[in-house]
Amino acid sequence: MRAAIVEAPGKVSVTTVPDPTPGPRDVVVSVASCGLCGTDLHILQGEFAPTLPIVPGHEFAGEIVGTGRDVTELAVGDRVAVDPSLHCHECRYCRVGRGNLCERWAAIGVTVPGGAAEYAVAPVANCVKLPDHIDVKDAALVEPLSCAVRGYDVLSGTLGAEVLIYGSGTMGLMMLELAKRTGAASVDVLDVNPDRLGTAGLLGCSRSAAGAEELEQPGGWDVVIDATGNAGAIQDGLGRVAKGGTFLQFGVADYATTAVIEPYRIYNQEITITGSMAVLHSYERAAALFASGVLDPSVFISDRLPLEQYPQAIDRFKAGIGRKIVVEP
């Protein structure tokens, strides 16, 4: 089969690799679409994945074309979205229900071959069957949506909150859509990219700007979300949190990124700084939300490229072009 391969840091290509073989409780998925995200750039930098080469792609959906001998829940022909999370179910964190913090954390497309290929293997337990009205080529959006759902689980949304989101890429826009549905009084969005900021306006944000200093909010915001991973945005956002408010680190920053905090302010103003890591008990709910129409795929997916153009797709993503970029094997 054809697959994208991150061969070494900074080097990605499309080549022919052996077809995958399912284990007893696995299925083989013919990939219909695979999304790119910031994690893929980190893998390309040599982060996250313990060894290279690796077939990337942790946001994917497709049709089952093969099953392991012990699979009874799904069958050939079923259309599924795939949760990439691979937890050990044995470590302390897994045993207390925090599998996203697993001591042996792994993921399809990060530590084992993923969906940037014609075919991918996944445990049957990680597959969510899609309803008939969903276009399987749109369902690569379920995985990033499940990360956004996890983010709002961490926030434990407060009705009437004033929300500020840094970044109007795919994840920032998903956080916008969920904020509107979790009782936010207002949702302001910041981005230096005017095209992306225009999409935030299209989706109904309260206000949009290139920087928070352009917005009138003397007391700060109850909830500040960084969806960029950018050091400057993070540092600025930490200073925009209102008394009693929460800062959520949702964007994936480089390992070396740092920010300065003011311990006395955190104590005196009872500010919470927290993070949200990947997917946790949120994939099925994201699939249900997606099926209900919480996102418009025609707005969120800006580029659909053939698998052979995976390197070009990576280049477009790095350049900040478009919103969600998917490859379609």
C-alpha atoms as a PDB file:
ATOM      1  CA  MET A   1       0.000   0.000   0.000  1.00  0.00           C
ATOM      2  CA  ARG A   2       0.985   3.668  -0.288  1.00  0.00           C
ATOM      3  CA  ALA A   3       1.700   5.566   2.909  1.00  0.00           C
ATOM      4  CA  ALA A   4       3.285   8.764   4.134  1.00  0.00           C
ATOM      5  CA  ILE A   5       6.437   8.177   6.160  1.00  0.00           C
ATOM      6  CA  VAL A   6       8.248  10.501   8.532  1.00  0.00           C
ATOM      7  CA  GLU A   7      11.679   9.018   7.886  1.00  0.00           C
ATOM      8  CA  ALA A   8      13.782  11.286  10.093  1.00  0.00           C
ATOM      9  CA  PRO A   9      13.394  14.712  11.700  1.00  0.00           C
ATOM     10  CA  GLY A  10      12.415  17.135   8.957  1.00  0.00           C
ATOM     11  CA  LYS A  11      12.053  14.433   6.297  1.00  0.00           C
ATOM     12  CA  VAL A  12       8.690  13.127   5.056  1.00  0.00           C
ATOM     13  CA  SER A  13       7.817  11.231   1.885  1.00  0.00           C
ATOM     14  CA  VAL A  14       5.174   8.967   0.361  1.00  0.00           C
ATOM     15  CA  THR A  15       6.238   5.440  -0.449  1.00  0.00           C
ATOM     16  CA  THR A  16       5.090   1.820  -0.663  1.00  0.00           C
ATOM     17  CA  VAL A  17       4.973  -0.237   2.533  1.00  0.00           C
ATOM     18  CA  PRO A  18       3.530  -3.683   3.366  1.00  0.00           C
ATOM     19  CA  ASP A  19      -0.215  -3.928   3.880  1.00  0.00           C
ATOM     20  CA  PRO A  20      -1.166  -4.112   7.585  1.00  0.00           C
ATOM     21  CA  THR A  21      -2.363  -7.318   9.215  1.00  0.00           C
ATOM     22  CA  PRO A  22      -4.958  -7.230  12.018  1.00  0.00           C
ATOM     23  CA  GLY A  23      -4.482  -8.900  15.383  1.00  0.00           C
ATOM     24  CA  PRO A  24      -7.311 -10.997  16.871  1.00  0.00           C
ATOM     25  CA  ARG A  25      -9.199  -7.938  18.184  1.00  0.00           C
ATOM     26  CA  ASP A  26      -8.206  -5.496  15.445  1.00  0.00           C
ATOM     27  CA  VAL A  27      -9.802  -4.239  12.248  1.00  0.00           C
ATOM     28  CA  VAL A  28      -8.237  -2.987   9.033  1.00  0.00           C
ATOM     29  CA  VAL A  29      -9.643   0.352   7.891  1.00  0.00           C
ATOM     30  CA  SER A  30      -9.526   1.589   4.309  1.00  0.00           C
ATOM     31  CA  VAL A  31      -8.784   5.223   5.099  1.00  0.00           C
ATOM     32  CA  ALA A  32     -11.183   7.727   3.532  1.00  0.00           C
ATOM     33  CA  SER A  33      -9.597  10.834   5.032  1.00  0.00           C
ATOM     34  CA  CYS A  34      -6.816  11.724   7.441  1.00  0.00           C
ATOM     35  CA  GLY A  35      -6.398  15.129   9.029  1.00  0.00           C
ATOM     36  CA  LEU A  36      -3.192  16.971   9.818  1.00  0.00           C
ATOM     37  CA  CYS A  37      -2.613  18.771  13.099  1.00  0.00           C
ATOM     38  CA  GLY A  38       0.092  20.323  15.234  1.00  0.00           C
ATOM     39  CA  THR A  39       1.076  16.950  16.664  1.00  0.00           C
ATOM     40  CA  ASP A  40       2.162  15.890  13.173  1.00  0.00           C
ATOM     41  CA  LEU A  41       4.554  18.835  13.059  1.00  0.00           C
ATOM     42  CA  HIS A  42       6.000  17.819  16.420  1.00  0.00           C
ATOM     43  CA  ILE A  43       6.536  14.285  15.104  1.00  0.00           C
ATOM     44  CA  LEU A  44       8.252  15.750  12.058  1.00  0.00           C
ATOM     45  CA  GLN A  45      10.521  17.663  14.446  1.00  0.00           C
ATOM     46  CA  GLY A  46      11.451  14.395  16.146  1.00  0.00           C
ATOM     47  CA  GLU A  47       9.235  14.923  19.195  1.00  0.00           C
ATOM     48  CA  PHE A  48       6.528  12.616  20.595  1.00  0.00           C
ATOM     49  CA  ALA A  49       7.325   9.519  18.519  1.00  0.00           C
ATOM     50  CA  PRO A  50       9.942   7.387  20.315  1.00  0.00           C
ATOM     51  CA  THR A  51      11.340   5.999  17.075  1.00  0.00           C
ATOM     52  CA  LEU A  52      11.328   6.946  13.418  1.00  0.00           C
ATOM     53  CA  PRO A  53      10.339   6.099  10.738  1.00  0.00           C
ATOM     54  CA  ILE A  54       6.611   6.245  11.459  1.00  0.00           C
ATOM     55  CA  VAL A  55       3.428   6.448   9.387  1.00  0.00           C
ATOM     56  CA  PRO A  56       1.723   9.556  10.849  1.00  0.00           C
ATOM     57  CA  GLY A  57      -1.969  10.297  10.986  1.00  0.00           C
ATOM     58  CA  HIS A  58      -4.029  10.098  14.182  1.00  0.00           C
ATOM     59  CA  GLU A  59      -7.171  11.817  12.841  1.00  0.00           C
ATOM     60  CA  PHE A  60      -8.815   9.399  10.431  1.00  0.00           C
ATOM     61  CA  ALA A  61     -11.951   7.580   9.402  1.00  0.00           C
ATOM     62  CA  GLY A  62     -12.830   5.016   6.779  1.00  0.00           C
ATOM     63  CA  GLU A  63     -14.444   1.695   5.941  1.00  0.00           C
ATOM     64  CA  ILE A  64     -13.584  -1.628   7.538  1.00  0.00           C
ATOM     65  CA  VAL A  65     -12.127  -4.034   4.972  1.00  0.00           C
ATOM     66  CA  GLY A  66     -10.772  -6.717   7.285  1.00  0.00           C
ATOM     67  CA  THR A  67     -11.291  -8.012  10.809  1.00  0.00           C
ATOM     68  CA  GLY A  68      -9.350 -10.118  13.286  1.00  0.00           C
ATOM     69  CA  ARG A  69     -10.623 -13.559  14.175  1.00  0.00           C
ATOM     70  CA  ASP A  70     -12.190 -12.449  17.502  1.00  0.00           C
ATOM     71  CA  VAL A  71     -13.995  -9.346  16.225  1.00  0.00           C
ATOM     72  CA  THR A  72     -17.794  -9.643  16.413  1.00  0.00           C
ATOM     73  CA  GLU A  73     -18.888  -6.059  17.157  1.00  0.00           C
ATOM     74  CA  LEU A  74     -18.121  -4.650  13.695  1.00  0.00           C
ATOM     75  CA  ALA A  75     -18.019  -6.112  10.201  1.00  0.00           C
ATOM     76  CA  VAL A  76     -16.499  -5.522   6.797  1.00  0.00           C
ATOM     77  CA  GLY A  77     -18.316  -2.603   5.193  1.00  0.00           C
ATOM     78  CA  ASP A  78     -18.947  -0.683   8.414  1.00  0.00           C
ATOM     79  CA  ARG A  79     -17.838   2.938   8.302  1.00  0.00           C
ATOM     80  CA  VAL A  80     -15.950   4.077  11.389  1.00  0.00           C
ATOM     81  CA  ALA A  81     -14.055   6.933  12.979  1.00  0.00           C
ATOM     82  CA  VAL A  82     -11.027   5.830  14.974  1.00  0.00           C
ATOM     83  CA  ASP A  83      -9.905   6.964  18.420  1.00  0.00           C
ATOM     84  CA  PRO A  84      -6.096   6.810  18.192  1.00  0.00           C
ATOM     85  CA  SER A  85      -5.514   6.453  21.951  1.00  0.00           C
ATOM     86  CA  LEU A  86      -3.658   3.310  23.058  1.00  0.00           C
ATOM     87  CA  HIS A  87      -3.592   2.982  26.839  1.00  0.00           C
ATOM     88  CA  CYS A  88      -1.922   0.172  28.768  1.00  0.00           C
ATOM     89  CA  HIS A  89      -4.886  -0.233  31.216  1.00  0.00           C
ATOM     90  CA  GLU A  90      -2.377  -1.377  33.852  1.00  0.00           C
ATOM     91  CA  CYS A  91      -0.488   1.656  35.185  1.00  0.00           C
ATOM     92  CA  ARG A  92      -1.651   3.817  38.073  1.00  0.00           C
ATOM     93  CA  TYR A  93      -3.144   6.479  35.801  1.00  0.00           C
ATOM     94  CA  CYS A  94      -5.091   3.995  33.716  1.00  0.00           C
ATOM     95  CA  ARG A  95      -6.402   2.315  36.862  1.00  0.00           C
ATOM     96  CA  VAL A  96      -7.776   5.602  38.176  1.00  0.00           C
ATOM     97  CA  GLY A  97      -9.431   6.460  34.857  1.00  0.00           C
ATOM     98  CA  ARG A  98      -6.783   8.898  33.572  1.00  0.00           C
ATOM     99  CA  GLY A  99      -5.643   6.907  30.553  1.00  0.00           C
ATOM    100  CA  ASN A 100      -4.551  10.015  28.659  1.00  0.00           C
ATOM    101  CA  LEU A 101      -1.750  10.274  31.244  1.00  0.00           C
ATOM    102  CA  CYS A 102      -0.807   6.600  30.813  1.00  0.00           C
ATOM    103  CA  GLU A 103       2.773   5.817  31.831  1.00  0.00           C
ATOM    104  CA  ARG A 104       3.081   3.786  28.602  1.00  0.00           C
ATOM    105  CA  TRP A 105       1.095   6.264  26.532  1.00  0.00           C
ATOM    106  CA  ALA A 106       0.896   5.393  22.849  1.00  0.00           C
ATOM    107  CA  ALA A 107      -1.277   6.389  19.917  1.00  0.00           C
ATOM    108  CA  ILE A 108      -2.038   5.317  16.384  1.00  0.00           C
ATOM    109  CA  GLY A 109      -0.160   7.668  14.078  1.00  0.00           C
ATOM    110  CA  VAL A 110       2.202   8.789  16.832  1.00  0.00           C
ATOM    111  CA  THR A 111       3.926   5.696  18.206  1.00  0.00           C
ATOM    112  CA  VAL A 112       2.495   3.048  15.853  1.00  0.00           C
ATOM    113  CA  PRO A 113       1.573   3.326  12.147  1.00  0.00           C
ATOM    114  CA  GLY A 114      -1.332   5.662  11.501  1.00  0.00           C
ATOM    115  CA  GLY A 115      -3.918   6.794   9.018  1.00  0.00           C
ATOM    116  CA  ALA A 116      -1.832   8.708   6.477  1.00  0.00           C
ATOM    117  CA  ALA A 117      -1.979   5.576   4.357  1.00  0.00           C
ATOM    118  CA  GLU A 118      -4.343   3.557   2.223  1.00  0.00           C
ATOM    119  CA  TYR A 119      -5.002   1.194   5.133  1.00  0.00           C
ATOM    120  CA  ALA A 120      -4.591   1.355   8.908  1.00  0.00           C
ATOM    121  CA  VAL A 121      -5.029  -1.125  11.760  1.00  0.00           C
ATOM    122  CA  ALA A 122      -6.987  -0.205  14.887  1.00  0.00           C
ATOM    123  CA  PRO A 123      -8.359  -2.087  17.900  1.00  0.00           C
ATOM    124  CA  VAL A 124     -12.059  -2.725  17.480  1.00  0.00           C
ATOM    125  CA  ALA A 125     -12.598  -0.987  20.841  1.00  0.00           C
ATOM    126  CA  ASN A 126     -11.257   2.245  19.327  1.00  0.00           C
ATOM    127  CA  CYS A 127     -13.743   2.336  16.460  1.00  0.00           C
ATOM    128  CA  VAL A 128     -17.024   4.235  16.523  1.00  0.00           C
ATOM    129  CA  LYS A 129     -19.548   3.276  13.861  1.00  0.00           C
ATOM    130  CA  LEU A 130     -20.786   6.247  11.848  1.00  0.00           C
ATOM    131  CA  PRO A 131     -24.471   6.847  11.064  1.00  0.00           C
ATOM    132  CA  ASP A 132     -25.527   6.703   7.430  1.00  0.00           C
ATOM    133  CA  HIS A 133     -26.008  10.466   7.039  1.00  0.00           C
ATOM    134  CA  ILE A 134     -22.347  11.223   7.812  1.00  0.00           C
ATOM    135  CA  ASP A 135     -19.884  11.483   4.928  1.00  0.00           C
ATOM    136  CA  VAL A 136     -16.969   9.327   6.031  1.00  0.00           C
ATOM    137  CA  LYS A 137     -14.551  11.780   4.373  1.00  0.00           C
ATOM    138  CA  ASP A 138     -15.695  14.423   6.875  1.00  0.00           C
ATOM    139  CA  ALA A 139     -15.341  12.170   9.912  1.00  0.00           C
ATOM    140  CA  ALA A 140     -11.603  12.817  10.374  1.00  0.00           C
ATOM    141  CA  LEU A 141     -12.926  15.831  12.322  1.00  0.00           C
ATOM    142  CA  VAL A 142     -14.207  13.593  15.120  1.00  0.00           C
ATOM    143  CA  GLU A 143     -10.767  13.124  16.704  1.00  0.00           C
ATOM    144  CA  PRO A 144      -9.902  16.831  17.067  1.00  0.00           C
ATOM    145  CA  LEU A 145     -13.456  17.448  18.268  1.00  0.00           C
ATOM    146  CA  SER A 146     -12.929  14.783  20.951  1.00  0.00           C
ATOM    147  CA  CYS A 147      -9.864  16.732  22.145  1.00  0.00           C
ATOM    148  CA  ALA A 148     -11.993  19.876  22.358  1.00  0.00           C
ATOM    149  CA  VAL A 149     -14.645  17.996  24.327  1.00  0.00           C
ATOM    150  CA  ARG A 150     -11.911  16.874  26.735  1.00  0.00           C
ATOM    151  CA  GLY A 151     -10.856  20.513  27.068  1.00  0.00           C
ATOM    152  CA  TYR A 152     -14.348  21.498  28.172  1.00  0.00           C
ATOM    153  CA  ASP A 153     -14.452  18.567  30.588  1.00  0.00           C
ATOM    154  CA  VAL A 154     -11.381  20.102  32.251  1.00  0.00           C
ATOM    155  CA  LEU A 155     -12.973  23.552  32.278  1.00  0.00           C
ATOM    156  CA  SER A 156     -16.246  22.293  33.790  1.00  0.00           C
ATOM    157  CA  GLY A 157     -17.998  25.144  31.982  1.00  0.00           C
ATOM    158  CA  THR A 158     -19.609  27.923  34.022  1.00  0.00           C
ATOM    159  CA  LEU A 159     -22.801  29.474  32.682  1.00  0.00           C
ATOM    160  CA  GLY A 160     -22.368  33.085  31.669  1.00  0.00           C
ATOM    161  CA  ALA A 161     -18.563  33.004  31.394  1.00  0.00           C
ATOM    162  CA  GLU A 162     -16.681  35.552  29.311  1.00  0.00           C
ATOM    163  CA  VAL A 163     -14.305  33.483  27.147  1.00  0.00           C
ATOM    164  CA  LEU A 164     -11.178  34.503  25.244  1.00  0.00           C
ATOM    165  CA  ILE A 165      -9.591  32.103  22.735  1.00  0.00           C
ATOM    166  CA  TYR A 166      -6.106  32.562  21.284  1.00  0.00           C
ATOM    167  CA  GLY A 167      -6.010  31.090  17.782  1.00  0.00           C
ATOM    168  CA  SER A 168      -8.673  30.526  15.146  1.00  0.00           C
ATOM    169  CA  GLY A 169      -7.248  27.456  13.482  1.00  0.00           C
ATOM    170  CA  THR A 170      -9.235  24.232  13.609  1.00  0.00           C
ATOM    171  CA  MET A 171      -8.896  23.743  17.357  1.00  0.00           C
ATOM    172  CA  GLY A 172      -9.607  27.344  18.289  1.00  0.00           C
ATOM    173  CA  LEU A 173     -12.718  27.275  16.101  1.00  0.00           C
ATOM    174  CA  MET A 174     -13.870  24.022  17.690  1.00  0.00           C
ATOM    175  CA  MET A 175     -13.407  25.553  21.139  1.00  0.00           C
ATOM    176  CA  LEU A 176     -15.479  28.506  19.909  1.00  0.00           C
ATOM    177  CA  GLU A 177     -18.297  26.245  18.760  1.00  0.00           C
ATOM    178  CA  LEU A 178     -18.338  24.341  22.052  1.00  0.00           C
ATOM    179  CA  ALA A 179     -18.133  27.540  24.142  1.00  0.00           C
ATOM    180  CA  LYS A 180     -21.278  28.797  22.423  1.00  0.00           C
ATOM    181  CA  ARG A 181     -23.013  25.562  23.407  1.00  0.00           C
ATOM    182  CA  THR A 182     -21.824  25.422  27.011  1.00  0.00           C
ATOM    183  CA  GLY A 183     -23.417  28.640  28.140  1.00  0.00           C
ATOM    184  CA  ALA A 184     -20.729  31.252  27.512  1.00  0.00           C
ATOM    185  CA  ALA A 185     -21.983  34.828  27.712  1.00  0.00           C
ATOM    186  CA  SER A 186     -19.434  35.898  25.103  1.00  0.00           C
ATOM    187  CA  VAL A 187     -16.596  34.307  23.122  1.00  0.00           C
ATOM    188  CA  ASP A 188     -13.823  36.544  21.798  1.00  0.00           C
ATOM    189  CA  VAL A 189     -11.197  35.169  19.406  1.00  0.00           C
ATOM    190  CA  LEU A 190      -7.682  36.405  18.647  1.00  0.00           C
ATOM    191  CA  ASP A 191      -5.493  35.579  15.660  1.00  0.00           C
ATOM    192  CA  VAL A 192      -2.854  37.372  13.628  1.00  0.00           C
ATOM    193  CA  ASN A 193      -4.051  35.552  10.493  1.00  0.00           C
ATOM    194  CA  PRO A 194      -6.918  37.652   9.043  1.00  0.00           C
ATOM    195  CA  ASP A 195      -8.295  34.809   6.917  1.00  0.00           C
ATOM    196  CA  ARG A 196      -8.653  32.520   9.909  1.00  0.00           C
ATOM    197  CA  LEU A 197     -10.060  35.329  12.001  1.00  0.00           C
ATOM    198  CA  GLY A 198     -12.713  35.847   9.343  1.00  0.00           C
ATOM    199  CA  THR A 199     -13.860  32.270   9.850  1.00  0.00           C
ATOM    200  CA  ALA A 200     -14.274  32.925  13.579  1.00  0.00           C
ATOM    201  CA  GLY A 201     -16.569  35.802  12.666  1.00  0.00           C
ATOM    202  CA  LEU A 202     -18.481  33.593  10.254  1.00  0.00           C
ATOM    203  CA  LEU A 203     -19.035  31.087  13.073  1.00  0.00           C
ATOM    204  CA  GLY A 204     -20.435  33.763  15.367  1.00  0.00           C
ATOM    205  CA  CYS A 205     -17.730  34.794  17.794  1.00  0.00           C
ATOM    206  CA  SER A 206     -18.642  37.863  19.869  1.00  0.00           C
ATOM    207  CA  ARG A 207     -15.566  39.867  18.876  1.00  0.00           C
ATOM    208  CA  SER A 208     -12.382  39.185  16.953  1.00  0.00           C
ATOM    209  CA  ALA A 209      -9.033  40.948  16.840  1.00  0.00           C
ATOM    210  CA  ALA A 210      -5.348  40.469  16.163  1.00  0.00           C
ATOM    211  CA  GLY A 211      -4.534  41.163  19.822  1.00  0.00           C
ATOM    212  CA  ALA A 212      -6.346  41.382  23.176  1.00  0.00           C
ATOM    213  CA  GLU A 213      -5.294  45.019  23.599  1.00  0.00           C
ATOM    214  CA  GLU A 214      -7.754  45.844  20.803  1.00  0.00           C
ATOM    215  CA  LEU A 215     -10.676  44.616  22.904  1.00  0.00           C
ATOM    216  CA  GLU A 216     -12.303  46.405  25.832  1.00  0.00           C
ATOM    217  CA  GLN A 217     -12.340  44.021  28.796  1.00  0.00           C
ATOM    218  CA  PRO A 218     -10.999  45.878  31.871  1.00  0.00           C
ATOM    219  CA  GLY A 219     -11.384  43.011  34.357  1.00  0.00           C
ATOM    220  CA  GLY A 220     -10.108  40.307  32.050  1.00  0.00           C
ATOM    221  CA  TRP A 221     -11.870  37.142  30.929  1.00  0.00           C
ATOM    222  CA  ASP A 222     -13.299  34.354  33.100  1.00  0.00           C
ATOM    223  CA  VAL A 223     -11.861  31.708  30.798  1.00  0.00           C
ATOM    224  CA  VAL A 224      -8.774  32.160  28.630  1.00  0.00           C
ATOM    225  CA  ILE A 225      -7.881  29.337  26.230  1.00  0.00           C
ATOM    226  CA  ASP A 226      -4.637  29.065  24.329  1.00  0.00           C
ATOM    227  CA  ALA A 227      -5.181  27.050  21.163  1.00  0.00           C
ATOM    228  CA  THR A 228      -1.871  28.046  19.550  1.00  0.00           C
ATOM    229  CA  GLY A 229       1.000  26.633  21.588  1.00  0.00           C
ATOM    230  CA  ASN A 230       2.790  29.916  20.817  1.00  0.00           C
ATOM    231  CA  ALA A 231       4.917  31.295  23.655  1.00  0.00           C
ATOM    232  CA  GLY A 232       3.863  34.893  23.063  1.00  0.00           C
ATOM    233  CA  ALA A 233       0.170  34.035  23.036  1.00  0.00           C
ATOM    234  CA  ILE A 234       0.515  31.925  26.183  1.00  0.00           C
ATOM    235  CA  GLN A 235       2.356  34.655  28.061  1.00  0.00           C
ATOM    236  CA  ASP A 236      -0.173  37.283  27.022  1.00  0.00           C
ATOM    237  CA  GLY A 237      -3.112  35.035  27.862  1.00  0.00           C
ATOM    238  CA  LEU A 238      -1.887  34.361  31.391  1.00  0.00           C
ATOM    239  CA  GLY A 239      -2.151  38.075  32.045  1.00  0.00           C
ATOM    240  CA  ARG A 240      -5.705  38.341  30.688  1.00  0.00           C
ATOM    241  CA  VAL A 241      -7.418  36.022  33.187  1.00  0.00           C
ATOM    242  CA  ALA A 242      -9.989  37.687  35.454  1.00  0.00           C
ATOM    243  CA  LYS A 243     -10.047  37.186  39.200  1.00  0.00           C
ATOM    244  CA  GLY A 244     -11.277  33.692  39.975  1.00  0.00           C
ATOM    245  CA  GLY A 245     -10.790  32.762  36.328  1.00  0.00           C
ATOM    246  CA  THR A 246      -9.125  29.882  34.522  1.00  0.00           C
ATOM    247  CA  PHE A 247      -6.365  29.652  31.937  1.00  0.00           C
ATOM    248  CA  LEU A 248      -6.461  26.473  29.820  1.00  0.00           C
ATOM    249  CA  GLN A 249      -3.348  25.362  27.954  1.00  0.00           C
ATOM    250  CA  PHE A 250      -4.986  23.563  25.065  1.00  0.00           C
ATOM    251  CA  GLY A 251      -2.559  24.201  22.200  1.00  0.00           C
ATOM    252  CA  VAL A 252       0.473  21.934  21.871  1.00  0.00           C
ATOM    253  CA  ALA A 253       3.644  23.889  22.593  1.00  0.00           C
ATOM    254  CA  ASP A 254       7.196  22.885  21.730  1.00  0.00           C
ATOM    255  CA  TYR A 255       9.036  21.116  24.534  1.00  0.00           C
ATOM    256  CA  ALA A 256      11.296  24.125  25.057  1.00  0.00           C
ATOM    257  CA  THR A 257       8.480  26.712  25.329  1.00  0.00           C
ATOM    258  CA  THR A 258       8.368  28.561  28.652  1.00  0.00           C
ATOM    259  CA  ALA A 259       6.213  31.252  30.235  1.00  0.00           C
ATOM    260  CA  VAL A 260       6.512  33.355  33.374  1.00  0.00           C
ATOM    261  CA  ILE A 261       3.810  33.239  36.043  1.00  0.00           C
ATOM    262  CA  GLU A 262       3.156  35.524  39.015  1.00  0.00           C
ATOM    263  CA  PRO A 263       2.630  33.241  42.034  1.00  0.00           C
ATOM    264  CA  TYR A 264       1.244  36.001  44.264  1.00  0.00           C
ATOM    265  CA  ARG A 265      -1.379  36.935  41.657  1.00  0.00           C
ATOM    266  CA  ILE A 266      -2.392  33.296  41.260  1.00  0.00           C
ATOM    267  CA  TYR A 267      -2.783  33.047  45.049  1.00  0.00           C
ATOM    268  CA  ASN A 268      -4.386  36.412  45.651  1.00  0.00           C
ATOM    269  CA  GLN A 269      -6.828  36.287  42.740  1.00  0.00           C
ATOM    270  CA  GLU A 270      -7.523  32.535  42.935  1.00  0.00           C
ATOM    271  CA  ILE A 271      -6.561  31.953  39.311  1.00  0.00           C
ATOM    272  CA  THR A 272      -6.500  28.412  37.987  1.00  0.00           C
ATOM    273  CA  ILE A 273      -3.928  27.328  35.382  1.00  0.00           C
ATOM    274  CA  THR A 274      -4.661  23.948  33.878  1.00  0.00           C
ATOM    275  CA  GLY A 275      -4.091  21.814  30.797  1.00  0.00           C
ATOM    276  CA  SER A 276      -5.955  19.380  28.599  1.00  0.00           C
ATOM    277  CA  MET A 277      -4.143  16.405  27.100  1.00  0.00           C
ATOM    278  CA  ALA A 278      -5.579  14.645  24.040  1.00  0.00           C
ATOM    279  CA  VAL A 279      -8.634  12.403  24.404  1.00  0.00           C
ATOM    280  CA  LEU A 280     -10.199  11.001  27.591  1.00  0.00           C
ATOM    281  CA  HIS A 281     -13.648   9.395  27.643  1.00  0.00           C
ATOM    282  CA  SER A 282     -14.641  11.971  25.023  1.00  0.00           C
ATOM    283  CA  TYR A 283     -14.432  10.258  21.637  1.00  0.00           C
ATOM    284  CA  GLU A 284     -17.909   8.719  21.624  1.00  0.00           C
ATOM    285  CA  ARG A 285     -19.447  11.984  22.795  1.00  0.00           C
ATOM    286  CA  ALA A 286     -17.571  13.853  20.080  1.00  0.00           C
ATOM    287  CA  ALA A 287     -18.873  11.397  17.476  1.00  0.00           C
ATOM    288  CA  ALA A 288     -22.427  11.960  18.749  1.00  0.00           C
ATOM    289  CA  LEU A 289     -21.967  15.738  18.642  1.00  0.00           C
ATOM    290  CA  PHE A 290     -20.530  15.509  15.150  1.00  0.00           C
ATOM    291  CA  ALA A 291     -23.493  13.408  13.996  1.00  0.00           C
ATOM    292  CA  SER A 292     -25.832  16.025  15.474  1.00  0.00           C
ATOM    293  CA  GLY A 293     -24.283  18.726  13.296  1.00  0.00           C
ATOM    294  CA  VAL A 294     -22.286  20.656  15.888  1.00  0.00           C
ATOM    295  CA  LEU A 295     -19.681  21.408  13.184  1.00  0.00           C
ATOM    296  CA  ASP A 296     -20.074  22.302   9.526  1.00  0.00           C
ATOM    297  CA  PRO A 297     -17.395  20.261   7.688  1.00  0.00           C
ATOM    298  CA  SER A 298     -17.531  22.603   4.702  1.00  0.00           C
ATOM    299  CA  VAL A 299     -16.310  25.406   6.980  1.00  0.00           C
ATOM    300  CA  PHE A 300     -13.761  23.411   8.971  1.00  0.00           C
ATOM    301  CA  ILE A 301     -12.129  21.454   6.136  1.00  0.00           C
ATOM    302  CA  SER A 302     -10.442  23.915   3.803  1.00  0.00           C
ATOM    303  CA  ASP A 303      -8.122  21.619   1.819  1.00  0.00           C
ATOM    304  CA  ARG A 304      -8.570  18.059   0.549  1.00  0.00           C
ATOM    305  CA  LEU A 305      -5.435  16.643  -1.053  1.00  0.00           C
ATOM    306  CA  PRO A 306      -4.519  13.192  -2.356  1.00  0.00           C
ATOM    307  CA  LEU A 307      -2.224  11.090  -0.186  1.00  0.00           C
ATOM    308  CA  GLU A 308       0.621  11.524  -2.671  1.00  0.00           C
ATOM    309  CA  GLN A 309       0.665  15.223  -1.758  1.00  0.00           C
ATOM    310  CA  TYR A 310       1.178  14.626   1.962  1.00  0.00           C
ATOM    311  CA  PRO A 311       4.500  16.537   1.989  1.00  0.00           C
ATOM    312  CA  GLN A 312       2.785  19.497   0.314  1.00  0.00           C
ATOM    313  CA  ALA A 313      -0.062  19.242   2.840  1.00  0.00           C
ATOM    314  CA  ILE A 314       2.499  19.479   5.646  1.00  0.00           C
ATOM    315  CA  ASP A 315       4.020  22.555   3.999  1.00  0.00           C
ATOM    316  CA  ARG A 316       0.611  24.232   3.724  1.00  0.00           C
ATOM    317  CA  PHE A 317      -0.136  23.469   7.363  1.00  0.00           C
ATOM    318  CA  LYS A 318       3.220  24.842   8.538  1.00  0.00           C
ATOM    319  CA  ALA A 319       2.574  28.013   6.548  1.00  0.00           C
ATOM    320  CA  GLY A 320      -0.763  28.564   8.304  1.00  0.00           C
ATOM    321  CA  ILE A 321      -2.753  28.208   5.081  1.00  0.00           C
ATOM    322  CA  GLY A 322      -6.395  27.248   5.431  1.00  0.00           C
ATOM    323  CA  ARG A 323      -8.042  25.504   8.364  1.00  0.00           C
ATOM    324  CA  LYS A 324      -8.220  21.701   8.611  1.00  0.00           C
ATOM    325  CA  ILE A 325      -6.180  20.053   5.866  1.00  0.00           C
ATOM    326  CA  VAL A 326      -6.973  16.419   5.100  1.00  0.00           C
ATOM    327  CA  VAL A 327      -5.436  13.883   2.769  1.00  0.00           C
ATOM    328  CA  GLU A 328      -7.692  11.366   1.082  1.00  0.00           C
ATOM    329  CA  PRO A 329      -5.959   8.083   0.222  1.00  0.00           C
END
